[in-house]
Amino acid sequence: ALHTLFVSEKRLKESIKLLDDYKHNSLTPGVTDCQLWEAQKIKQAIIHPDTGEKIFMPFRMSGYVPFGTPIVIGLLLPNQTVVSTIIWQWLNQSHNACVNYANRNATKIDISHTFILFQVCSRICLCFFLQVGLNVLIKKANKLKPTTRMIIQRLVPFPAVASANICNVGLMRHVELSEGIDVMDNNGNVVGSSKIAAKHAIMETAFTRVVLPMPIFVLPPIIMSYLERLHFLQKHRRLLLPIHSMVCLVTFALSLPVAISLFPQMSQIEVSRLEPEIALASDCKVVTYNKGL
């Protein structure tokens, strides 16, 4: 929730203490379920489940919309130059890389900042060549009507961003595939490290990164292509940018919770689907792992 971005340090500590008291059966009389759920919401939004450290505000999921919307608006602006396309893709992939890194499964080896920079640069190149290549193909499609061509050109950022997002998740979290991630029993005790669980976690996260930009990069171009034909907006062209911004903001705000809710952050998997050593280390039929966001 957006309000968790502005929670004070004092309120955060109170929420953590309240949850710790509940865990140790030492709650103060009068504490309601509503207070406990609110404390849980605050802690989950700010504190990383593996490291126990605060996530930097712009890279929290609650900050994804307010900090990401200006970038989305920039990506969807029509008639961009090559330089502006590169700049917006740089900002978009840098922001996505930081969000993926901040919300990763952090139970295993960390990755260097040099590697992160390399991955951001490679994804920008991928986005740029995909976007430019698709635009060239569309311009050569002489059979398309001008209106149809304009709509398709505005949809070009989606396949470019979606492809880069998949690479973003896979490359940023590649260490998990080789090292595995911790899986826990019903009591929260680590029973082992699983590469199979890591594969599931990365695939689920990558899928959400495809679903997330779908409405953001598809709906606004279609909506704006209709609104721009309205007589009122043709007379008041200065209103196009604020209306375009509002359409992007609303679409982004609605699509984020849908994408995140596809798979829970703390996901479960049957032990029978994991490595044999995991089954030997626990009597549980199902174990839990941090999928990441």
Protein backbone atom coordinates (compact mmCIF):
# COMPACT_ATOMS: atom_id res chain seq x y z
CA ALA A 1 0.00 0.00 0.00
CA LEU A 2 1.20 3.52 -0.83
CA HIS A 3 0.91 4.78 2.76
CA THR A 4 3.67 2.38 3.90
CA LEU A 5 6.18 4.57 2.02
CA PHE A 6 5.73 7.27 4.65
CA VAL A 7 5.85 5.14 7.80
CA SER A 8 8.18 6.64 10.41
CA GLU A 9 11.10 4.77 11.96
CA LYS A 10 9.28 4.80 15.29
CA ARG A 11 6.12 3.27 13.77
CA LEU A 12 8.18 0.61 12.01
CA LYS A 13 9.93 -0.41 15.25
CA GLU A 14 6.57 -0.53 17.05
CA SER A 15 5.15 -2.79 14.33
CA ILE A 16 8.13 -5.15 14.50
CA LYS A 17 7.91 -5.29 18.30
CA LEU A 18 4.19 -5.98 18.15
CA LEU A 19 4.75 -8.93 15.81
CA ASP A 20 7.60 -10.24 17.98
CA ASP A 21 5.35 -10.04 21.05
CA TYR A 22 2.67 -11.98 19.19
CA LYS A 23 5.22 -14.62 18.15
CA HIS A 24 6.34 -15.08 21.78
CA ASN A 25 2.78 -14.99 23.21
CA SER A 26 3.49 -11.81 25.18
CA LEU A 27 1.01 -9.43 23.60
CA THR A 28 -0.32 -6.54 25.66
CA PRO A 29 -4.03 -7.06 26.46
CA GLY A 30 -6.33 -5.15 24.12
CA VAL A 31 -4.30 -5.55 20.92
CA THR A 32 -6.71 -6.24 18.07
CA ASP A 33 -6.35 -8.42 14.98
CA CYS A 34 -6.62 -5.25 12.89
CA GLN A 35 -3.53 -3.81 14.59
CA LEU A 36 -1.61 -7.03 14.02
CA TRP A 37 -2.51 -7.13 10.32
CA GLU A 38 -1.50 -3.49 9.91
CA ALA A 39 1.83 -4.19 11.64
CA GLN A 40 2.37 -7.17 9.33
CA LYS A 41 1.60 -5.03 6.28
CA ILE A 42 4.09 -2.36 7.36
CA LYS A 43 6.86 -4.86 8.08
CA GLN A 44 6.38 -6.79 4.82
CA ALA A 45 6.37 -3.56 2.79
CA ILE A 46 9.60 -2.18 4.29
CA ILE A 47 11.74 -5.02 5.67
CA HIS A 48 13.37 -7.64 3.44
CA PRO A 49 12.27 -11.12 4.64
CA ASP A 50 15.76 -12.64 4.24
CA THR A 51 18.15 -9.88 5.29
CA GLY A 52 15.92 -8.17 7.85
CA GLU A 53 17.10 -4.81 6.47
CA LYS A 54 15.04 -1.88 5.23
CA ILE A 55 14.47 -1.71 1.48
CA PHE A 56 15.34 1.69 0.00
CA MET A 57 12.10 3.60 -0.58
CA PRO A 58 12.19 3.92 -4.43
CA PHE A 59 12.81 0.18 -4.77
CA ARG A 60 9.99 -1.07 -2.56
CA MET A 61 6.95 -2.49 -4.31
CA SER A 62 4.83 0.21 -2.66
CA GLY A 63 7.11 2.76 -4.38
CA TYR A 64 7.05 1.08 -7.80
CA VAL A 65 4.10 3.12 -9.09
CA PRO A 66 5.02 6.63 -7.85
CA PHE A 67 8.69 6.29 -8.86
CA GLY A 68 8.07 4.25 -12.02
CA THR A 69 5.18 6.20 -13.56
CA PRO A 70 7.31 9.12 -14.88
CA ILE A 71 9.52 6.58 -16.66
CA VAL A 72 6.49 4.78 -18.16
CA ILE A 73 5.12 8.11 -19.41
CA GLY A 74 8.48 8.86 -21.03
CA LEU A 75 8.64 5.46 -22.70
CA LEU A 76 5.18 5.92 -24.20
CA LEU A 77 5.73 9.42 -25.59
CA PRO A 78 5.24 9.41 -29.38
CA ASN A 79 7.79 10.54 -32.00
CA GLN A 80 10.89 9.98 -29.89
CA THR A 81 14.44 10.40 -31.14
CA VAL A 82 17.06 7.66 -30.86
CA VAL A 83 18.75 9.51 -27.97
CA SER A 84 15.51 9.94 -26.00
CA THR A 85 14.66 6.24 -26.54
CA ILE A 86 18.04 5.20 -25.09
CA ILE A 87 17.66 7.56 -22.12
CA TRP A 88 14.19 6.31 -21.20
CA GLN A 89 15.22 2.68 -21.61
CA TRP A 90 18.27 3.34 -19.43
CA LEU A 91 16.08 4.80 -16.69
CA ASN A 92 13.52 1.99 -17.00
CA GLN A 93 16.00 -0.88 -16.90
CA SER A 94 18.06 0.74 -14.14
CA HIS A 95 14.94 1.13 -12.01
CA ASN A 96 13.80 -2.44 -12.75
CA ALA A 97 17.25 -3.83 -11.95
CA CYS A 98 17.30 -2.03 -8.60
CA VAL A 99 13.76 -3.22 -7.75
CA ASN A 100 14.64 -6.82 -8.68
CA TYR A 101 17.86 -6.67 -6.65
CA ALA A 102 16.19 -5.08 -3.61
CA ASN A 103 13.37 -7.66 -3.59
CA ARG A 104 15.41 -10.74 -4.53
CA ASN A 105 15.78 -13.95 -2.53
CA ALA A 106 18.84 -13.03 -0.44
CA THR A 107 19.54 -16.33 1.30
CA LYS A 108 22.60 -17.04 -0.82
CA ILE A 109 25.60 -15.31 -2.38
CA ASP A 110 25.26 -11.61 -3.17
CA ILE A 111 26.18 -10.10 -6.55
CA SER A 112 28.57 -7.26 -7.28
CA HIS A 113 27.58 -3.75 -8.32
CA THR A 114 29.81 -4.09 -11.40
CA PHE A 115 27.76 -7.09 -12.53
CA ILE A 116 24.52 -5.15 -11.98
CA LEU A 117 25.83 -2.28 -14.15
CA PHE A 118 26.84 -4.74 -16.88
CA GLN A 119 23.39 -6.34 -16.87
CA VAL A 120 21.63 -2.97 -17.04
CA CYS A 121 23.73 -1.99 -20.08
CA SER A 122 23.06 -5.31 -21.85
CA ARG A 123 19.30 -5.02 -21.29
CA ILE A 124 19.26 -1.45 -22.58
CA CYS A 125 20.94 -2.67 -25.78
CA LEU A 126 18.36 -5.46 -26.07
CA CYS A 127 15.45 -3.04 -25.59
CA PHE A 128 16.89 -0.51 -27.99
CA PHE A 129 17.54 -2.94 -30.85
CA LEU A 130 14.15 -4.61 -30.40
CA GLN A 131 12.32 -1.30 -30.35
CA VAL A 132 14.23 0.20 -33.28
CA GLY A 133 13.99 -3.04 -35.27
CA LEU A 134 10.24 -3.32 -34.78
CA ASN A 135 9.75 0.34 -35.72
CA VAL A 136 11.70 -0.19 -38.96
CA LEU A 137 9.55 -3.22 -39.83
CA ILE A 138 6.36 -1.27 -39.15
CA LYS A 139 7.47 1.65 -41.33
CA LYS A 140 8.13 -0.76 -44.19
CA ALA A 141 4.63 -2.25 -43.87
CA ASN A 142 3.06 -0.14 -46.63
CA LYS A 143 -0.27 -1.97 -46.51
CA LEU A 144 -1.06 -0.64 -43.02
CA LYS A 145 -3.37 2.33 -42.68
CA PRO A 146 -1.79 5.42 -41.04
CA THR A 147 -3.98 5.11 -37.94
CA THR A 148 -3.23 1.39 -37.58
CA ARG A 149 0.48 2.03 -38.06
CA MET A 150 0.45 4.73 -35.37
CA ILE A 151 -1.26 2.42 -32.84
CA ILE A 152 1.12 -0.46 -33.57
CA GLN A 153 4.15 1.85 -33.25
CA ARG A 154 2.93 2.92 -29.83
CA LEU A 155 2.65 -0.74 -28.79
CA VAL A 156 6.28 -1.45 -29.75
CA PRO A 157 7.72 -0.64 -26.26
CA PHE A 158 5.79 -3.56 -24.72
CA PRO A 159 7.62 -6.51 -26.39
CA ALA A 160 10.93 -4.67 -25.92
CA VAL A 161 10.34 -4.02 -22.20
CA ALA A 162 8.79 -7.46 -21.53
CA SER A 163 11.77 -9.23 -23.15
CA ALA A 164 14.23 -7.11 -21.19
CA ASN A 165 12.30 -7.73 -17.96
CA ILE A 166 12.64 -11.50 -18.38
CA CYS A 167 16.38 -11.11 -18.95
CA ASN A 168 16.49 -8.66 -16.03
CA VAL A 169 15.11 -11.22 -13.57
CA GLY A 170 17.09 -14.16 -14.95
CA LEU A 171 20.45 -12.41 -15.05
CA MET A 172 20.03 -10.52 -11.78
CA ARG A 173 19.16 -13.73 -9.93
CA HIS A 174 21.26 -16.26 -11.88
CA VAL A 175 23.26 -17.09 -8.74
CA GLU A 176 20.15 -18.70 -7.24
CA LEU A 177 20.05 -21.26 -10.06
CA SER A 178 23.58 -22.47 -9.32
CA GLU A 179 23.51 -22.13 -5.52
CA GLY A 180 19.83 -22.83 -4.80
CA ILE A 181 17.64 -21.01 -2.28
CA ASP A 182 16.69 -21.91 1.28
CA VAL A 183 13.44 -23.82 1.81
CA MET A 184 11.72 -23.88 5.20
CA ASP A 185 9.41 -26.21 7.09
CA ASN A 186 6.15 -25.25 8.81
CA ASN A 187 8.06 -23.77 11.76
CA GLY A 188 10.23 -21.55 9.60
CA ASN A 189 13.35 -23.69 10.04
CA VAL A 190 15.64 -24.04 7.01
CA VAL A 191 15.69 -27.68 5.90
CA GLY A 192 18.00 -27.28 2.93
CA SER A 193 18.93 -25.44 -0.24
CA SER A 194 17.06 -26.22 -3.46
CA LYS A 195 17.94 -25.35 -7.06
CA ILE A 196 14.52 -26.59 -8.17
CA ALA A 197 12.78 -24.14 -5.83
CA ALA A 198 15.08 -21.40 -7.17
CA LYS A 199 14.00 -22.21 -10.72
CA HIS A 200 10.33 -21.98 -9.73
CA ALA A 201 10.93 -18.69 -7.91
CA ILE A 202 12.67 -17.09 -10.89
CA MET A 203 10.10 -18.36 -13.41
CA GLU A 204 7.21 -17.04 -11.30
CA THR A 205 8.90 -13.65 -10.86
CA ALA A 206 9.73 -13.42 -14.57
CA PHE A 207 6.10 -14.19 -15.47
CA THR A 208 4.87 -11.35 -13.26
CA ARG A 209 7.35 -9.03 -15.03
CA VAL A 210 5.66 -9.87 -18.35
CA VAL A 211 2.12 -9.47 -16.99
CA LEU A 212 2.94 -6.16 -15.25
CA PRO A 213 3.85 -4.07 -18.34
CA MET A 214 1.14 -5.64 -20.51
CA PRO A 215 -1.71 -3.28 -19.54
CA ILE A 216 0.70 -0.39 -18.97
CA PHE A 217 2.13 -0.46 -22.49
CA VAL A 218 -1.00 -1.67 -24.29
CA LEU A 219 -3.98 0.21 -22.82
CA PRO A 220 -2.63 3.82 -22.75
CA PRO A 221 -1.68 3.86 -26.47
CA ILE A 222 -5.11 2.51 -27.44
CA ILE A 223 -6.93 4.92 -25.11
CA MET A 224 -4.85 7.92 -26.23
CA SER A 225 -5.30 7.12 -29.93
CA TYR A 226 -9.05 7.48 -29.33
CA LEU A 227 -8.86 10.57 -27.09
CA GLU A 228 -6.56 12.43 -29.48
CA ARG A 229 -9.30 12.34 -32.13
CA LEU A 230 -11.73 14.18 -29.86
CA HIS A 231 -12.52 17.70 -31.05
CA PHE A 232 -11.94 19.17 -27.59
CA LEU A 233 -8.39 17.80 -27.30
CA GLN A 234 -7.56 18.75 -30.87
CA LYS A 235 -8.31 22.35 -29.88
CA HIS A 236 -6.45 22.07 -26.54
CA ARG A 237 -3.29 20.11 -27.39
CA ARG A 238 -1.59 21.17 -24.15
CA LEU A 239 -3.96 18.88 -22.23
CA LEU A 240 -2.70 15.76 -24.01
CA LEU A 241 0.39 15.28 -21.83
CA PRO A 242 -1.40 15.59 -18.44
CA ILE A 243 -4.22 13.30 -19.67
CA HIS A 244 -1.66 10.84 -21.02
CA SER A 245 0.14 10.95 -17.65
CA MET A 246 -3.07 10.28 -15.74
CA VAL A 247 -3.99 7.34 -17.98
CA CYS A 248 -0.52 5.82 -17.41
CA LEU A 249 -0.72 6.38 -13.65
CA VAL A 250 -4.15 4.76 -13.30
CA THR A 251 -3.18 1.81 -15.50
CA PHE A 252 0.09 1.29 -13.61
CA ALA A 253 -1.64 1.51 -10.22
CA LEU A 254 -4.23 -1.10 -11.23
CA SER A 255 -1.86 -3.54 -12.95
CA LEU A 256 0.79 -3.74 -10.19
CA PRO A 257 -1.35 -5.44 -7.50
CA VAL A 258 -2.76 -7.82 -10.12
CA ALA A 259 0.71 -8.88 -11.28
CA ILE A 260 2.11 -9.28 -7.75
CA SER A 261 -0.91 -11.27 -6.55
CA LEU A 262 -0.39 -13.97 -9.21
CA PHE A 263 2.12 -15.73 -6.91
CA PRO A 264 2.59 -15.13 -3.15
CA GLN A 265 6.00 -13.88 -2.07
CA MET A 266 6.35 -16.76 0.39
CA SER A 267 5.45 -19.59 -1.98
CA GLN A 268 5.05 -23.27 -1.21
CA ILE A 269 6.11 -26.38 -3.09
CA GLU A 270 5.70 -30.09 -2.45
CA VAL A 271 8.80 -31.81 -1.10
CA SER A 272 8.30 -34.65 -3.59
CA ARG A 273 9.08 -32.19 -6.41
CA LEU A 274 12.42 -31.16 -4.88
CA GLU A 275 15.83 -32.79 -4.49
CA PRO A 276 15.91 -36.12 -2.58
CA GLU A 277 18.07 -34.65 0.20
CA ILE A 278 15.33 -32.15 1.03
CA ALA A 279 12.83 -34.99 1.57
CA LEU A 280 15.32 -36.75 3.87
CA ALA A 281 15.89 -33.60 5.93
CA SER A 282 12.22 -32.96 6.77
CA ASP A 283 8.99 -34.80 7.50
CA CYS A 284 6.93 -32.02 5.94
CA LYS A 285 5.08 -32.68 2.70
CA VAL A 286 5.24 -29.00 1.73
CA VAL A 287 8.04 -26.46 2.23
CA THR A 288 8.11 -22.68 1.90
CA TYR A 289 10.54 -20.43 0.03
CA ASN A 290 10.89 -16.70 -0.59
CA LYS A 291 9.99 -16.20 -4.27
CA GLY A 292 11.01 -12.56 -4.20
CA LEU A 293 9.01 -9.79 -5.82
